Amino acid sequence: MTLAGLGTSNDYQGMTLRINVEAEAVQASHEAYKDAWNITNLPAGVEVWGEEENPV
């Protein structure tokens, strides 16, 4: 479903959109994802984040 701002009609005025999300997280460092999800590599575009690599 896409709501395109001004291009969306008033049909959705006062309506509620509910999205149910189921998520699971695991520590990426120390390759914990390998045991938790039984995979050998992180998905494309997912990188391990660390304080030294990505300072705030």
N, C-alpha and C. Protein backbone atom coordinates (compact mmCIF):
# COMPACT_ATOMS: atom_id res chain seq x y z
N MET A 1 0.84 -1.16 0.00
CA MET A 1 0.00 0.00 0.00
C MET A 1 0.89 1.23 0.00
N THR A 2 0.52 2.20 -0.79
CA THR A 2 1.27 3.45 -0.84
C THR A 2 0.30 4.61 -0.65
N LEU A 3 0.64 5.51 0.26
CA LEU A 3 -0.11 6.75 0.42
C LEU A 3 0.81 7.86 -0.07
N ALA A 4 0.43 8.48 -1.15
CA ALA A 4 1.29 9.44 -1.82
C ALA A 4 0.95 10.88 -1.47
N GLY A 5 0.91 11.19 -0.19
CA GLY A 5 0.71 12.56 0.24
C GLY A 5 -0.47 13.24 -0.42
N LEU A 6 -0.21 14.32 -1.13
CA LEU A 6 -1.28 15.10 -1.77
C LEU A 6 -2.00 14.32 -2.87
N GLY A 7 -1.36 13.28 -3.39
CA GLY A 7 -1.98 12.46 -4.43
C GLY A 7 -2.96 11.44 -3.90
N THR A 8 -3.10 11.34 -2.58
CA THR A 8 -4.01 10.38 -1.96
C THR A 8 -5.35 11.07 -1.70
N SER A 9 -6.42 10.39 -2.10
CA SER A 9 -7.75 10.98 -1.91
C SER A 9 -8.16 10.97 -0.45
N ASN A 10 -9.30 11.55 -0.15
CA ASN A 10 -9.81 11.60 1.22
C ASN A 10 -10.45 10.29 1.66
N ASP A 11 -10.40 9.26 0.82
CA ASP A 11 -10.97 7.96 1.18
C ASP A 11 -10.34 7.40 2.47
N TYR A 12 -9.13 7.84 2.76
CA TYR A 12 -8.42 7.32 3.93
C TYR A 12 -8.52 8.26 5.14
N GLN A 13 -9.22 9.37 4.99
CA GLN A 13 -9.38 10.33 6.08
C GLN A 13 -10.01 9.66 7.30
N GLY A 14 -9.39 9.78 8.45
CA GLY A 14 -9.93 9.23 9.69
C GLY A 14 -9.76 7.72 9.82
N MET A 15 -9.10 7.07 8.88
CA MET A 15 -8.90 5.63 8.92
C MET A 15 -7.65 5.31 9.75
N THR A 16 -7.53 4.05 10.12
CA THR A 16 -6.38 3.58 10.88
C THR A 16 -5.67 2.50 10.07
N LEU A 17 -4.37 2.61 9.98
CA LEU A 17 -3.55 1.60 9.31
C LEU A 17 -2.75 0.90 10.40
N ARG A 18 -2.96 -0.38 10.53
CA ARG A 18 -2.22 -1.16 11.53
C ARG A 18 -1.24 -2.06 10.80
N ILE A 19 -0.01 -2.04 11.27
CA ILE A 19 1.02 -2.90 10.70
C ILE A 19 1.60 -3.72 11.84
N ASN A 20 1.51 -5.02 11.73
CA ASN A 20 2.08 -5.91 12.73
C ASN A 20 3.48 -6.31 12.26
N VAL A 21 4.44 -6.12 13.13
CA VAL A 21 5.82 -6.43 12.81
C VAL A 21 6.34 -7.46 13.79
N GLU A 22 6.95 -8.50 13.25
CA GLU A 22 7.62 -9.48 14.08
C GLU A 22 9.10 -9.39 13.74
N ALA A 23 9.91 -9.15 14.73
CA ALA A 23 11.34 -8.95 14.50
C ALA A 23 12.15 -9.79 15.47
N GLU A 24 13.33 -10.12 15.03
CA GLU A 24 14.27 -10.85 15.87
C GLU A 24 15.63 -10.22 15.69
N ALA A 25 16.34 -10.06 16.76
CA ALA A 25 17.67 -9.44 16.69
C ALA A 25 18.68 -10.35 17.35
N VAL A 26 19.89 -10.26 16.85
CA VAL A 26 20.98 -11.02 17.43
C VAL A 26 22.25 -10.20 17.29
N GLN A 27 23.15 -10.39 18.18
CA GLN A 27 24.42 -9.66 18.14
C GLN A 27 25.17 -10.02 16.86
N ALA A 28 25.58 -9.01 16.10
CA ALA A 28 26.28 -9.25 14.84
C ALA A 28 27.77 -9.48 15.06
N SER A 29 28.32 -8.84 16.09
CA SER A 29 29.74 -9.02 16.35
C SER A 29 29.99 -10.45 16.85
N HIS A 30 31.18 -10.89 16.71
CA HIS A 30 31.58 -12.25 17.10
C HIS A 30 30.80 -13.30 16.31
N GLU A 31 30.19 -12.89 15.22
CA GLU A 31 29.48 -13.78 14.29
C GLU A 31 28.41 -14.62 14.98
N ALA A 32 27.74 -14.05 15.97
CA ALA A 32 26.68 -14.76 16.69
C ALA A 32 25.52 -15.12 15.77
N TYR A 33 25.32 -14.36 14.71
CA TYR A 33 24.23 -14.64 13.76
C TYR A 33 24.37 -16.01 13.13
N LYS A 34 25.59 -16.51 13.01
CA LYS A 34 25.81 -17.82 12.38
C LYS A 34 25.12 -18.92 13.17
N ASP A 35 25.27 -18.90 14.48
CA ASP A 35 24.62 -19.92 15.31
C ASP A 35 23.13 -19.65 15.47
N ALA A 36 22.77 -18.39 15.66
CA ALA A 36 21.37 -18.05 15.92
C ALA A 36 20.47 -18.32 14.72
N TRP A 37 20.96 -17.99 13.52
CA TRP A 37 20.12 -18.09 12.33
C TRP A 37 20.61 -19.14 11.34
N ASN A 38 21.67 -19.86 11.69
CA ASN A 38 22.20 -20.92 10.84
C ASN A 38 22.52 -20.42 9.43
N ILE A 39 23.21 -19.28 9.36
CA ILE A 39 23.66 -18.73 8.08
C ILE A 39 25.17 -18.50 8.16
N THR A 40 25.82 -18.43 7.01
CA THR A 40 27.27 -18.26 7.01
C THR A 40 27.69 -16.81 6.79
N ASN A 41 26.83 -15.99 6.19
CA ASN A 41 27.14 -14.59 5.92
C ASN A 41 25.93 -13.72 6.21
N LEU A 42 26.20 -12.47 6.56
CA LEU A 42 25.10 -11.52 6.72
C LEU A 42 24.49 -11.21 5.36
N PRO A 43 23.20 -10.87 5.31
CA PRO A 43 22.57 -10.53 4.02
C PRO A 43 23.25 -9.33 3.37
N ALA A 44 23.12 -9.24 2.07
CA ALA A 44 23.70 -8.12 1.31
C ALA A 44 23.22 -6.80 1.89
N GLY A 45 24.14 -5.87 2.09
CA GLY A 45 23.80 -4.55 2.60
C GLY A 45 23.79 -4.45 4.11
N VAL A 46 23.96 -5.56 4.82
CA VAL A 46 24.00 -5.55 6.28
C VAL A 46 25.45 -5.66 6.70
N GLU A 47 25.87 -4.74 7.55
CA GLU A 47 27.25 -4.71 7.99
C GLU A 47 27.33 -4.77 9.51
N VAL A 48 28.42 -5.33 10.01
CA VAL A 48 28.66 -5.33 11.44
C VAL A 48 29.03 -3.91 11.85
N TRP A 49 28.39 -3.41 12.89
CA TRP A 49 28.62 -2.05 13.36
C TRP A 49 29.44 -2.11 14.63
N GLY A 50 30.42 -1.23 14.75
CA GLY A 50 31.23 -1.19 15.96
C GLY A 50 31.61 0.23 16.29
N GLU A 51 31.83 0.49 17.55
CA GLU A 51 32.19 1.84 18.00
C GLU A 51 33.42 2.36 17.29
N GLU A 52 34.43 1.52 17.11
CA GLU A 52 35.67 1.97 16.48
C GLU A 52 35.47 2.31 15.00
N GLU A 53 34.60 1.52 14.34
CA GLU A 53 34.39 1.71 12.91
C GLU A 53 33.46 2.87 12.60
N ASN A 54 32.49 3.11 13.47
CA ASN A 54 31.45 4.12 13.22
C ASN A 54 31.25 5.01 14.44
N PRO A 55 32.21 5.85 14.77
CA PRO A 55 32.05 6.70 15.95
C PRO A 55 30.88 7.67 15.79
N VAL A 56 30.26 8.01 16.90
CA VAL A 56 29.10 8.91 16.90
C VAL A 56 29.56 10.33 16.69
